[in-house]
Structure formats: structure tokens, C-alpha cells
């Protein structure tokens, strides 16, 4: 599984449109193959900051998501409305339970 955490900070003038675009992006992304979850939330400590949390089945599914033209268009539009560069962190998650399971030959 791959987890993506990203954020974008808008301005007083752009936050409403950023929220609208973000919800549209999230709802569309949820329909893509390999999307386990995709959400956007408003930061309670900075109401101009939106935080995205996504879970994808694997890196191939995430790469396919990045290749969708609408995903690229969202990033371009959102970046033009941002007060600072957006952030993104991508982490591959290893299921430790599978790695530590006893082998069948034991």
C-alpha cells in the first residue's frame, strides 16, 4: 500500500475555489482503480490550509492516478491559487504482519 499526504495553503481570496476544486478532485480520484481512500480536510489550526490523505493499493495505481489528465490539471490550477508551494509526501507501507508470519515449513 502507498500512503500520500499533501497540503496546499490558499489565500483569503482563493480558499473557497481551492476547496471546490479539491472536493471535485477527491471525488473523481475515489473512482480510480487502486484508490483505497482519498480525502481532503481543512486544517483546524490554519483555515487556509487543506490537507490531503490518500491510500493506494500500490505504486502502479498511484502512478496511473498521476497520469490522469484531470489530476495534472488539478495540480496546475491549485498551484496557481496557492500562497506557497504545495507539499507532498509519498510512503510505501510494508505489512509487517506478513513479513513476520511463520513460514509453512516451520
PDB file of N, CA and C in Angstrom:
ATOM      1  N   UNK A   1       0.845  -1.170   0.000  1.00  0.00           N
ATOM      2  CA  UNK A   1       0.000   0.000   0.000  1.00  0.00           C
ATOM      3  C   UNK A   1       0.894   1.238   0.000  1.00  0.00           C
ATOM      4  N   UNK A   2       0.386   2.290  -0.615  1.00  0.00           N
ATOM      5  CA  UNK A   2       1.094   3.564  -0.678  1.00  0.00           C
ATOM      6  C   UNK A   2       0.208   4.618  -0.030  1.00  0.00           C
ATOM      7  N   UNK A   3       0.797   5.408   0.851  1.00  0.00           N
ATOM      8  CA  UNK A   3       0.083   6.498   1.506  1.00  0.00           C
ATOM      9  C   UNK A   3       0.664   7.821   1.017  1.00  0.00           C
ATOM     10  N   UNK A   4      -0.230   8.726   0.664  1.00  0.00           N
ATOM     11  CA  UNK A   4       0.165  10.053   0.197  1.00  0.00           C
ATOM     12  C   UNK A   4      -0.442  11.078   1.141  1.00  0.00           C
ATOM     13  N   UNK A   5       0.400  12.001   1.609  1.00  0.00           N
ATOM     14  CA  UNK A   5      -0.075  13.113   2.419  1.00  0.00           C
ATOM     15  C   UNK A   5       0.425  14.389   1.756  1.00  0.00           C
ATOM     16  N   UNK A   6      -0.503  15.262   1.451  1.00  0.00           N
ATOM     17  CA  UNK A   6      -0.143  16.509   0.800  1.00  0.00           C
ATOM     18  C   UNK A   6      -0.893  17.669   1.418  1.00  0.00           C
ATOM     19  N   UNK A   7      -0.431  18.864   1.131  1.00  0.00           N
ATOM     20  CA  UNK A   7      -1.141  20.034   1.628  1.00  0.00           C
ATOM     21  C   UNK A   7      -0.926  21.208   0.681  1.00  0.00           C
ATOM     22  N   UNK A   8      -1.880  22.113   0.765  1.00  0.00           N
ATOM     23  CA  UNK A   8      -1.795  23.347  -0.011  1.00  0.00           C
ATOM     24  C   UNK A   8      -2.396  24.464   0.834  1.00  0.00           C
ATOM     25  N   UNK A   9      -1.763  25.604   0.779  1.00  0.00           N
ATOM     26  CA  UNK A   9      -2.233  26.778   1.526  1.00  0.00           C
ATOM     27  C   UNK A   9      -2.751  27.795   0.524  1.00  0.00           C
ATOM     28  N   UNK A  10      -3.989  28.192   0.716  1.00  0.00           N
ATOM     29  CA  UNK A  10      -4.593  29.203  -0.138  1.00  0.00           C
ATOM     30  C   UNK A  10      -4.475  30.583   0.478  1.00  0.00           C
ATOM     31  N   UNK A  11      -5.225  31.487  -0.074  1.00  0.00           N
ATOM     32  CA  UNK A  11      -5.310  32.852   0.458  1.00  0.00           C
ATOM     33  C   UNK A  11      -6.772  33.108   0.791  1.00  0.00           C
ATOM     34  N   UNK A  12      -7.042  34.219   1.435  1.00  0.00           N
ATOM     35  CA  UNK A  12      -8.437  34.569   1.717  1.00  0.00           C
ATOM     36  C   UNK A  12      -9.261  34.619   0.422  1.00  0.00           C
ATOM     37  N   UNK A  13      -8.623  35.045  -0.651  1.00  0.00           N
ATOM     38  CA  UNK A  13      -9.314  35.188  -1.930  1.00  0.00           C
ATOM     39  C   UNK A  13      -9.498  33.860  -2.665  1.00  0.00           C
ATOM     40  N   UNK A  14      -8.628  32.866  -2.424  1.00  0.00           N
ATOM     41  CA  UNK A  14      -8.659  31.634  -3.225  1.00  0.00           C
ATOM     42  C   UNK A  14      -9.174  30.400  -2.487  1.00  0.00           C
ATOM     43  N   UNK A  15      -9.314  30.451  -1.162  1.00  0.00           N
ATOM     44  CA  UNK A  15      -9.613  29.232  -0.404  1.00  0.00           C
ATOM     45  C   UNK A  15     -10.936  28.588  -0.811  1.00  0.00           C
ATOM     46  N   UNK A  16     -11.956  29.372  -1.065  1.00  0.00           N
ATOM     47  CA  UNK A  16     -13.247  28.773  -1.443  1.00  0.00           C
ATOM     48  C   UNK A  16     -13.142  28.009  -2.763  1.00  0.00           C
ATOM     49  N   UNK A  17     -12.458  28.574  -3.729  1.00  0.00           N
ATOM     50  CA  UNK A  17     -12.278  27.893  -5.012  1.00  0.00           C
ATOM     51  C   UNK A  17     -11.357  26.682  -4.850  1.00  0.00           C
ATOM     52  N   UNK A  18     -10.337  26.787  -4.014  1.00  0.00           N
ATOM     53  CA  UNK A  18      -9.471  25.631  -3.748  1.00  0.00           C
ATOM     54  C   UNK A  18     -10.264  24.480  -3.126  1.00  0.00           C
ATOM     55  N   UNK A  19     -11.159  24.796  -2.228  1.00  0.00           N
ATOM     56  CA  UNK A  19     -11.995  23.759  -1.615  1.00  0.00           C
ATOM     57  C   UNK A  19     -12.879  23.112  -2.679  1.00  0.00           C
ATOM     58  N   UNK A  20     -13.493  23.914  -3.520  1.00  0.00           N
ATOM     59  CA  UNK A  20     -14.356  23.375  -4.567  1.00  0.00           C
ATOM     60  C   UNK A  20     -13.580  22.446  -5.493  1.00  0.00           C
ATOM     61  N   UNK A  21     -12.420  22.909  -5.968  1.00  0.00           N
ATOM     62  CA  UNK A  21     -11.590  22.091  -6.859  1.00  0.00           C
ATOM     63  C   UNK A  21     -11.092  20.828  -6.163  1.00  0.00           C
ATOM     64  N   UNK A  22     -10.725  20.963  -4.894  1.00  0.00           N
ATOM     65  CA  UNK A  22     -10.206  19.820  -4.142  1.00  0.00           C
ATOM     66  C   UNK A  22     -11.267  18.745  -3.955  1.00  0.00           C
ATOM     67  N   UNK A  23     -12.480  19.153  -3.631  1.00  0.00           N
ATOM     68  CA  UNK A  23     -13.562  18.175  -3.470  1.00  0.00           C
ATOM     69  C   UNK A  23     -13.858  17.470  -4.794  1.00  0.00           C
ATOM     70  N   UNK A  24     -13.850  18.222  -5.868  1.00  0.00           N
ATOM     71  CA  UNK A  24     -14.056  17.631  -7.193  1.00  0.00           C
ATOM     72  C   UNK A  24     -12.955  16.607  -7.491  1.00  0.00           C
ATOM     73  N   UNK A  25     -11.713  16.973  -7.213  1.00  0.00           N
ATOM     74  CA  UNK A  25     -10.566  16.085  -7.444  1.00  0.00           C
ATOM     75  C   UNK A  25     -10.660  14.820  -6.583  1.00  0.00           C
ATOM     76  N   UNK A  26     -10.978  14.986  -5.316  1.00  0.00           N
ATOM     77  CA  UNK A  26     -11.066  13.852  -4.403  1.00  0.00           C
ATOM     78  C   UNK A  26     -12.168  12.894  -4.842  1.00  0.00           C
ATOM     79  N   UNK A  27     -13.310  13.428  -5.158  1.00  0.00           N
ATOM     80  CA  UNK A  27     -14.446  12.565  -5.552  1.00  0.00           C
ATOM     81  C   UNK A  27     -14.145  11.805  -6.833  1.00  0.00           C
ATOM     82  N   UNK A  28     -13.486  12.455  -7.783  1.00  0.00           N
ATOM     83  CA  UNK A  28     -13.106  11.779  -9.024  1.00  0.00           C
ATOM     84  C   UNK A  28     -12.053  10.717  -8.746  1.00  0.00           C
ATOM     85  N   UNK A  29     -11.069  11.059  -7.937  1.00  0.00           N
ATOM     86  CA  UNK A  29      -9.967  10.135  -7.652  1.00  0.00           C
ATOM     87  C   UNK A  29     -10.454   8.854  -6.977  1.00  0.00           C
ATOM     88  N   UNK A  30     -11.466   8.963  -6.148  1.00  0.00           N
ATOM     89  CA  UNK A  30     -12.004   7.785  -5.447  1.00  0.00           C
ATOM     90  C   UNK A  30     -12.520   6.719  -6.405  1.00  0.00           C
ATOM     91  N   UNK A  31     -12.853   7.105  -7.631  1.00  0.00           N
ATOM     92  CA  UNK A  31     -13.387   6.147  -8.604  1.00  0.00           C
ATOM     93  C   UNK A  31     -12.291   5.435  -9.381  1.00  0.00           C
ATOM     94  N   UNK A  32     -11.043   5.828  -9.194  1.00  0.00           N
ATOM     95  CA  UNK A  32      -9.948   5.249  -9.967  1.00  0.00           C
ATOM     96  C   UNK A  32      -9.556   3.872  -9.422  1.00  0.00           C
ATOM     97  N   UNK A  33      -9.137   2.967 -10.319  1.00  0.00           N
ATOM     98  CA  UNK A  33      -8.670   1.651  -9.876  1.00  0.00           C
ATOM     99  C   UNK A  33      -7.500   1.781  -8.903  1.00  0.00           C
ATOM    100  N   UNK A  34      -7.550   1.039  -7.826  1.00  0.00           N
ATOM    101  CA  UNK A  34      -6.461   1.041  -6.847  1.00  0.00           C
ATOM    102  C   UNK A  34      -6.567   2.105  -5.778  1.00  0.00           C
ATOM    103  N   UNK A  35      -7.558   2.997  -5.870  1.00  0.00           N
ATOM    104  CA  UNK A  35      -7.736   4.003  -4.825  1.00  0.00           C
ATOM    105  C   UNK A  35      -8.481   3.366  -3.658  1.00  0.00           C
ATOM    106  N   UNK A  36      -7.819   3.283  -2.517  1.00  0.00           N
ATOM    107  CA  UNK A  36      -8.433   2.714  -1.317  1.00  0.00           C
ATOM    108  C   UNK A  36      -9.159   3.784  -0.521  1.00  0.00           C
ATOM    109  N   UNK A  37      -8.620   4.989  -0.516  1.00  0.00           N
ATOM    110  CA  UNK A  37      -9.284   6.134   0.107  1.00  0.00           C
ATOM    111  C   UNK A  37      -8.593   7.408  -0.366  1.00  0.00           C
ATOM    112  N   UNK A  38      -9.364   8.483  -0.371  1.00  0.00           N
ATOM    113  CA  UNK A  38      -8.842   9.780  -0.830  1.00  0.00           C
ATOM    114  C   UNK A  38      -9.693  10.841  -0.145  1.00  0.00           C
ATOM    115  N   UNK A  39      -9.060  11.699   0.645  1.00  0.00           N
ATOM    116  CA  UNK A  39      -9.817  12.688   1.412  1.00  0.00           C
ATOM    117  C   UNK A  39      -9.071  14.016   1.462  1.00  0.00           C
ATOM    118  N   UNK A  40      -9.843  15.074   1.645  1.00  0.00           N
ATOM    119  CA  UNK A  40      -9.281  16.398   1.886  1.00  0.00           C
ATOM    120  C   UNK A  40      -9.957  16.955   3.135  1.00  0.00           C
ATOM    121  N   UNK A  41      -9.163  17.609   3.972  1.00  0.00           N
ATOM    122  CA  UNK A  41      -9.665  18.215   5.209  1.00  0.00           C
ATOM    123  C   UNK A  41      -9.067  19.601   5.358  1.00  0.00           C
ATOM    124  N   UNK A  42      -9.765  20.410   6.114  1.00  0.00           N
ATOM    125  CA  UNK A  42      -9.271  21.756   6.416  1.00  0.00           C
ATOM    126  C   UNK A  42      -8.513  21.695   7.737  1.00  0.00           C
ATOM    127  N   UNK A  43      -7.341  22.288   7.776  1.00  0.00           N
ATOM    128  CA  UNK A  43      -6.508  22.329   8.968  1.00  0.00           C
ATOM    129  C   UNK A  43      -7.186  23.215  10.023  1.00  0.00           C
ATOM    130  N   UNK A  44      -7.435  22.685  11.205  1.00  0.00           N
ATOM    131  CA  UNK A  44      -8.125  23.471  12.232  1.00  0.00           C
ATOM    132  C   UNK A  44      -7.226  24.545  12.846  1.00  0.00           C
ATOM    133  N   UNK A  45      -5.920  24.444  12.629  1.00  0.00           N
ATOM    134  CA  UNK A  45      -5.016  25.476  13.138  1.00  0.00           C
ATOM    135  C   UNK A  45      -4.714  26.555  12.099  1.00  0.00           C
ATOM    136  N   UNK A  46      -4.995  26.254  10.823  1.00  0.00           N
ATOM    137  CA  UNK A  46      -4.781  27.224   9.752  1.00  0.00           C
ATOM    138  C   UNK A  46      -5.890  27.003   8.730  1.00  0.00           C
ATOM    139  N   UNK A  47      -6.936  27.795   8.806  1.00  0.00           N
ATOM    140  CA  UNK A  47      -8.107  27.544   7.956  1.00  0.00           C
ATOM    141  C   UNK A  47      -7.869  27.856   6.476  1.00  0.00           C
ATOM    142  N   UNK A  48      -6.674  28.282   6.122  1.00  0.00           N
ATOM    143  CA  UNK A  48      -6.316  28.463   4.715  1.00  0.00           C
ATOM    144  C   UNK A  48      -5.556  27.253   4.167  1.00  0.00           C
ATOM    145  N   UNK A  49      -5.293  26.257   5.027  1.00  0.00           N
ATOM    146  CA  UNK A  49      -4.522  25.066   4.625  1.00  0.00           C
ATOM    147  C   UNK A  49      -5.454  23.865   4.458  1.00  0.00           C
ATOM    148  N   UNK A  50      -5.323  23.192   3.313  1.00  0.00           N
ATOM    149  CA  UNK A  50      -6.049  21.955   3.044  1.00  0.00           C
ATOM    150  C   UNK A  50      -5.060  20.796   3.081  1.00  0.00           C
ATOM    151  N   UNK A  51      -5.478  19.690   3.681  1.00  0.00           N
ATOM    152  CA  UNK A  51      -4.620  18.519   3.829  1.00  0.00           C
ATOM    153  C   UNK A  51      -5.272  17.341   3.112  1.00  0.00           C
ATOM    154  N   UNK A  52      -4.504  16.669   2.289  1.00  0.00           N
ATOM    155  CA  UNK A  52      -4.967  15.505   1.536  1.00  0.00           C
ATOM    156  C   UNK A  52      -4.338  14.250   2.125  1.00  0.00           C
ATOM    157  N   UNK A  53      -5.154  13.232   2.339  1.00  0.00           N
ATOM    158  CA  UNK A  53      -4.664  11.931   2.791  1.00  0.00           C
ATOM    159  C   UNK A  53      -5.233  10.895   1.831  1.00  0.00           C
ATOM    160  N   UNK A  54      -4.334  10.136   1.221  1.00  0.00           N
ATOM    161  CA  UNK A  54      -4.730   9.156   0.213  1.00  0.00           C
ATOM    162  C   UNK A  54      -4.090   7.805   0.530  1.00  0.00           C
ATOM    163  N   UNK A  55      -4.815   6.739   0.203  1.00  0.00           N
ATOM    164  CA  UNK A  55      -4.255   5.389   0.290  1.00  0.00           C
ATOM    165  C   UNK A  55      -4.486   4.712  -1.053  1.00  0.00           C
ATOM    166  N   UNK A  56      -3.418   4.169  -1.612  1.00  0.00           N
ATOM    167  CA  UNK A  56      -3.464   3.496  -2.915  1.00  0.00           C
ATOM    168  C   UNK A  56      -2.979   2.067  -2.741  1.00  0.00           C
ATOM    169  N   UNK A  57      -3.531   1.167  -3.543  1.00  0.00           N
ATOM    170  CA  UNK A  57      -3.192  -0.255  -3.433  1.00  0.00           C
ATOM    171  C   UNK A  57      -1.700  -0.495  -3.658  1.00  0.00           C
ATOM    172  N   UNK A  58      -1.110   0.236  -4.596  1.00  0.00           N
ATOM    173  CA  UNK A  58       0.312   0.059  -4.898  1.00  0.00           C
ATOM    174  C   UNK A  58       0.810   1.265  -5.696  1.00  0.00           C
ATOM    175  N   UNK A  59       2.096   1.264  -5.976  1.00  0.00           N
ATOM    176  CA  UNK A  59       2.701   2.396  -6.687  1.00  0.00           C
ATOM    177  C   UNK A  59       2.172   2.512  -8.117  1.00  0.00           C
ATOM    178  N   UNK A  60       1.875   1.379  -8.748  1.00  0.00           N
ATOM    179  CA  UNK A  60       1.329   1.430 -10.103  1.00  0.00           C
ATOM    180  C   UNK A  60      -0.002   2.183 -10.139  1.00  0.00           C
ATOM    181  N   UNK A  61      -0.857   1.935  -9.155  1.00  0.00           N
ATOM    182  CA  UNK A  61      -2.147   2.638  -9.087  1.00  0.00           C
ATOM    183  C   UNK A  61      -1.933   4.137  -8.882  1.00  0.00           C
ATOM    184  N   UNK A  62      -0.977   4.490  -8.020  1.00  0.00           N
ATOM    185  CA  UNK A  62      -0.691   5.909  -7.792  1.00  0.00           C
ATOM    186  C   UNK A  62      -0.117   6.559  -9.047  1.00  0.00           C
ATOM    187  N   UNK A  63       0.799   5.870  -9.717  1.00  0.00           N
ATOM    188  CA  UNK A  63       1.370   6.417 -10.948  1.00  0.00           C
ATOM    189  C   UNK A  63       0.292   6.617 -12.012  1.00  0.00           C
ATOM    190  N   UNK A  64      -0.657   5.681 -12.091  1.00  0.00           N
ATOM    191  CA  UNK A  64      -1.767   5.828 -13.038  1.00  0.00           C
ATOM    192  C   UNK A  64      -2.612   7.057 -12.677  1.00  0.00           C
ATOM    193  N   UNK A  65      -2.822   7.272 -11.385  1.00  0.00           N
ATOM    194  CA  UNK A  65      -3.564   8.456 -10.915  1.00  0.00           C
ATOM    195  C   UNK A  65      -2.847   9.738 -11.335  1.00  0.00           C
ATOM    196  N   UNK A  66      -1.536   9.769 -11.152  1.00  0.00           N
ATOM    197  CA  UNK A  66      -0.774  10.950 -11.543  1.00  0.00           C
ATOM    198  C   UNK A  66      -0.841  11.193 -13.050  1.00  0.00           C
ATOM    199  N   UNK A  67      -1.033  10.136 -13.838  1.00  0.00           N
ATOM    200  CA  UNK A  67      -1.068  10.249 -15.296  1.00  0.00           C
ATOM    201  C   UNK A  67      -2.432  10.688 -15.830  1.00  0.00           C
ATOM    202  N   UNK A  68      -3.454  10.669 -14.991  1.00  0.00           N
ATOM    203  CA  UNK A  68      -4.791  11.093 -15.429  1.00  0.00           C
ATOM    204  C   UNK A  68      -4.744  12.598 -15.724  1.00  0.00           C
ATOM    205  N   UNK A  69      -5.157  13.014 -16.912  1.00  0.00           N
ATOM    206  CA  UNK A  69      -5.088  14.443 -17.263  1.00  0.00           C
ATOM    207  C   UNK A  69      -5.771  15.356 -16.246  1.00  0.00           C
ATOM    208  N   UNK A  70      -6.892  14.928 -15.695  1.00  0.00           N
ATOM    209  CA  UNK A  70      -7.596  15.749 -14.712  1.00  0.00           C
ATOM    210  C   UNK A  70      -6.774  15.942 -13.436  1.00  0.00           C
ATOM    211  N   UNK A  71      -5.961  14.950 -13.077  1.00  0.00           N
ATOM    212  CA  UNK A  71      -5.099  15.096 -11.900  1.00  0.00           C
ATOM    213  C   UNK A  71      -4.054  16.175 -12.138  1.00  0.00           C
ATOM    214  N   UNK A  72      -3.441  16.146 -13.306  1.00  0.00           N
ATOM    215  CA  UNK A  72      -2.462  17.171 -13.646  1.00  0.00           C
ATOM    216  C   UNK A  72      -3.077  18.557 -13.718  1.00  0.00           C
ATOM    217  N   UNK A  73      -4.280  18.630 -14.276  1.00  0.00           N
ATOM    218  CA  UNK A  73      -4.971  19.922 -14.373  1.00  0.00           C
ATOM    219  C   UNK A  73      -5.297  20.460 -12.985  1.00  0.00           C
ATOM    220  N   UNK A  74      -5.712  19.560 -12.078  1.00  0.00           N
ATOM    221  CA  UNK A  74      -5.995  19.995 -10.707  1.00  0.00           C
ATOM    222  C   UNK A  74      -4.744  20.587 -10.063  1.00  0.00           C
ATOM    223  N   UNK A  75      -3.625  19.896 -10.182  1.00  0.00           N
ATOM    224  CA  UNK A  75      -2.380  20.384  -9.576  1.00  0.00           C
ATOM    225  C   UNK A  75      -2.001  21.751 -10.149  1.00  0.00           C
ATOM    226  N   UNK A  76      -2.116  21.898 -11.463  1.00  0.00           N
ATOM    227  CA  UNK A  76      -1.784  23.183 -12.089  1.00  0.00           C
ATOM    228  C   UNK A  76      -2.687  24.297 -11.584  1.00  0.00           C
ATOM    229  N   UNK A  77      -4.003  24.054 -11.581  1.00  0.00           N
ATOM    230  CA  UNK A  77      -4.944  25.084 -11.129  1.00  0.00           C
ATOM    231  C   UNK A  77      -4.717  25.429  -9.659  1.00  0.00           C
ATOM    232  N   UNK A  78      -4.585  24.403  -8.821  1.00  0.00           N
ATOM    233  CA  UNK A  78      -4.431  24.636  -7.384  1.00  0.00           C
ATOM    234  C   UNK A  78      -3.137  25.388  -7.090  1.00  0.00           C
ATOM    235  N   UNK A  79      -2.083  25.043  -7.796  1.00  0.00           N
ATOM    236  CA  UNK A  79      -0.790  25.696  -7.562  1.00  0.00           C
ATOM    237  C   UNK A  79      -0.858  27.187  -7.875  1.00  0.00           C
ATOM    238  N   UNK A  80      -1.626  27.564  -8.888  1.00  0.00           N
ATOM    239  CA  UNK A  80      -1.726  28.989  -9.222  1.00  0.00           C
ATOM    240  C   UNK A  80      -2.468  29.771  -8.144  1.00  0.00           C
ATOM    241  N   UNK A  81      -3.260  29.085  -7.324  1.00  0.00           N
ATOM    242  CA  UNK A  81      -4.025  29.748  -6.262  1.00  0.00           C
ATOM    243  C   UNK A  81      -3.346  29.650  -4.896  1.00  0.00           C
ATOM    244  N   UNK A  82      -2.226  28.973  -4.837  1.00  0.00           N
ATOM    245  CA  UNK A  82      -1.560  28.720  -3.557  1.00  0.00           C
ATOM    246  C   UNK A  82      -0.737  29.914  -3.093  1.00  0.00           C
ATOM    247  N   UNK A  83      -0.675  30.080  -1.791  1.00  0.00           N
ATOM    248  CA  UNK A  83       0.125  31.136  -1.186  1.00  0.00           C
ATOM    249  C   UNK A  83       1.596  30.720  -1.089  1.00  0.00           C
ATOM    250  N   UNK A  84       1.837  29.409  -1.193  1.00  0.00           N
ATOM    251  CA  UNK A  84       3.198  28.850  -1.129  1.00  0.00           C
ATOM    252  C   UNK A  84       3.176  27.526  -1.883  1.00  0.00           C
ATOM    253  N   UNK A  85       4.338  26.978  -2.216  1.00  0.00           N
ATOM    254  CA  UNK A  85       4.342  25.709  -2.959  1.00  0.00           C
ATOM    255  C   UNK A  85       3.642  24.587  -2.179  1.00  0.00           C
ATOM    256  N   UNK A  86       2.815  23.796  -2.860  1.00  0.00           N
ATOM    257  CA  UNK A  86       2.172  22.653  -2.193  1.00  0.00           C
ATOM    258  C   UNK A  86       3.218  21.638  -1.732  1.00  0.00           C
ATOM    259  N   UNK A  87       2.851  20.817  -0.762  1.00  0.00           N
ATOM    260  CA  UNK A  87       3.749  19.760  -0.286  1.00  0.00           C
ATOM    261  C   UNK A  87       3.127  18.407  -0.595  1.00  0.00           C
ATOM    262  N   UNK A  88       3.989  17.400  -0.753  1.00  0.00           N
ATOM    263  CA  UNK A  88       3.531  16.030  -0.954  1.00  0.00           C
ATOM    264  C   UNK A  88       4.564  15.078  -0.364  1.00  0.00           C
ATOM    265  N   UNK A  89       4.070  14.062   0.322  1.00  0.00           N
ATOM    266  CA  UNK A  89       4.920  13.017   0.878  1.00  0.00           C
ATOM    267  C   UNK A  89       4.302  11.683   0.471  1.00  0.00           C
ATOM    268  N   UNK A  90       5.132  10.805  -0.079  1.00  0.00           N
ATOM    269  CA  UNK A  90       4.662   9.507  -0.545  1.00  0.00           C
ATOM    270  C   UNK A  90       5.426   8.431   0.206  1.00  0.00           C
ATOM    271  N   UNK A  91       4.683   7.538   0.860  1.00  0.00           N
ATOM    272  CA  UNK A  91       5.303   6.477   1.651  1.00  0.00           C
ATOM    273  C   UNK A  91       4.749   5.119   1.258  1.00  0.00           C
ATOM    274  N   UNK A  92       5.658   4.186   0.961  1.00  0.00           N
ATOM    275  CA  UNK A  92       5.265   2.795   0.752  1.00  0.00           C
ATOM    276  C   UNK A  92       5.140   2.145   2.117  1.00  0.00           C
ATOM    277  N   UNK A  93       4.047   1.446   2.336  1.00  0.00           N
ATOM    278  CA  UNK A  93       3.794   0.811   3.626  1.00  0.00           C
ATOM    279  C   UNK A  93       4.008  -0.683   3.470  1.00  0.00           C
ATOM    280  N   UNK A  94       4.804  -1.225   4.366  1.00  0.00           N
ATOM    281  CA  UNK A  94       5.065  -2.654   4.381  1.00  0.00           C
ATOM    282  C   UNK A  94       4.195  -3.268   5.460  1.00  0.00           C
ATOM    283  N   UNK A  95       3.488  -4.329   5.117  1.00  0.00           N
ATOM    284  CA  UNK A  95       2.667  -5.038   6.095  1.00  0.00           C
ATOM    285  C   UNK A  95       3.591  -5.920   6.923  1.00  0.00           C
ATOM    286  N   UNK A  96       3.949  -5.462   8.097  1.00  0.00           N
ATOM    287  CA  UNK A  96       4.883  -6.182   8.959  1.00  0.00           C
ATOM    288  C   UNK A  96       4.323  -7.531   9.410  1.00  0.00           C
ATOM    289  N   UNK A  97       3.004  -7.637   9.464  1.00  0.00           N
ATOM    290  CA  UNK A  97       2.402  -8.912   9.858  1.00  0.00           C
ATOM    291  C   UNK A  97       2.734  -9.989   8.846  1.00  0.00           C
ATOM    292  N   UNK A  98       2.718  -9.639   7.560  1.00  0.00           N
ATOM    293  CA  UNK A  98       3.067 -10.625   6.531  1.00  0.00           C
ATOM    294  C   UNK A  98       4.531 -10.977   6.598  1.00  0.00           C
ATOM    295  N   UNK A  99       5.387  -9.974   6.840  1.00  0.00           N
ATOM    296  CA  UNK A  99       6.827 -10.209   6.864  1.00  0.00           C
ATOM    297  C   UNK A  99       7.250 -11.074   8.049  1.00  0.00           C
ATOM    298  N   UNK A 100       6.499 -11.010   9.130  1.00  0.00           N
ATOM    299  CA  UNK A 100       6.903 -11.746  10.329  1.00  0.00           C
ATOM    300  C   UNK A 100       6.124 -13.039  10.522  1.00  0.00           C
ATOM    301  N   UNK A 101       5.245 -13.380   9.568  1.00  0.00           N
ATOM    302  CA  UNK A 101       4.453 -14.604   9.702  1.00  0.00           C
ATOM    303  C   UNK A 101       5.372 -15.806   9.579  1.00  0.00           C
ATOM    304  N   UNK A 102       5.118 -16.838  10.385  1.00  0.00           N
ATOM    305  CA  UNK A 102       5.956 -18.042  10.299  1.00  0.00           C
ATOM    306  C   UNK A 102       5.791 -18.710   8.938  1.00  0.00           C
ATOM    307  N   UNK A 103       6.853 -19.269   8.455  1.00  0.00           N
ATOM    308  CA  UNK A 103       6.782 -19.924   7.156  1.00  0.00           C
ATOM    309  C   UNK A 103       6.074 -21.263   7.284  1.00  0.00           C
ATOM    310  N   UNK A 104       5.597 -21.770   6.154  1.00  0.00           N
ATOM    311  CA  UNK A 104       4.855 -23.041   6.137  1.00  0.00           C
ATOM    312  C   UNK A 104       5.756 -24.211   6.482  1.00  0.00           C
ATOM    313  N   UNK A 105       7.069 -24.058   6.299  1.00  0.00           N
ATOM    314  CA  UNK A 105       7.983 -25.175   6.570  1.00  0.00           C
ATOM    315  C   UNK A 105       8.406 -25.235   8.035  1.00  0.00           C
ATOM    316  N   UNK A 106       7.995 -24.276   8.849  1.00  0.00           N
ATOM    317  CA  UNK A 106       8.424 -24.232  10.252  1.00  0.00           C
ATOM    318  C   UNK A 106       7.674 -25.219  11.100  1.00  0.00           C
TER     319      UNK A 106
END
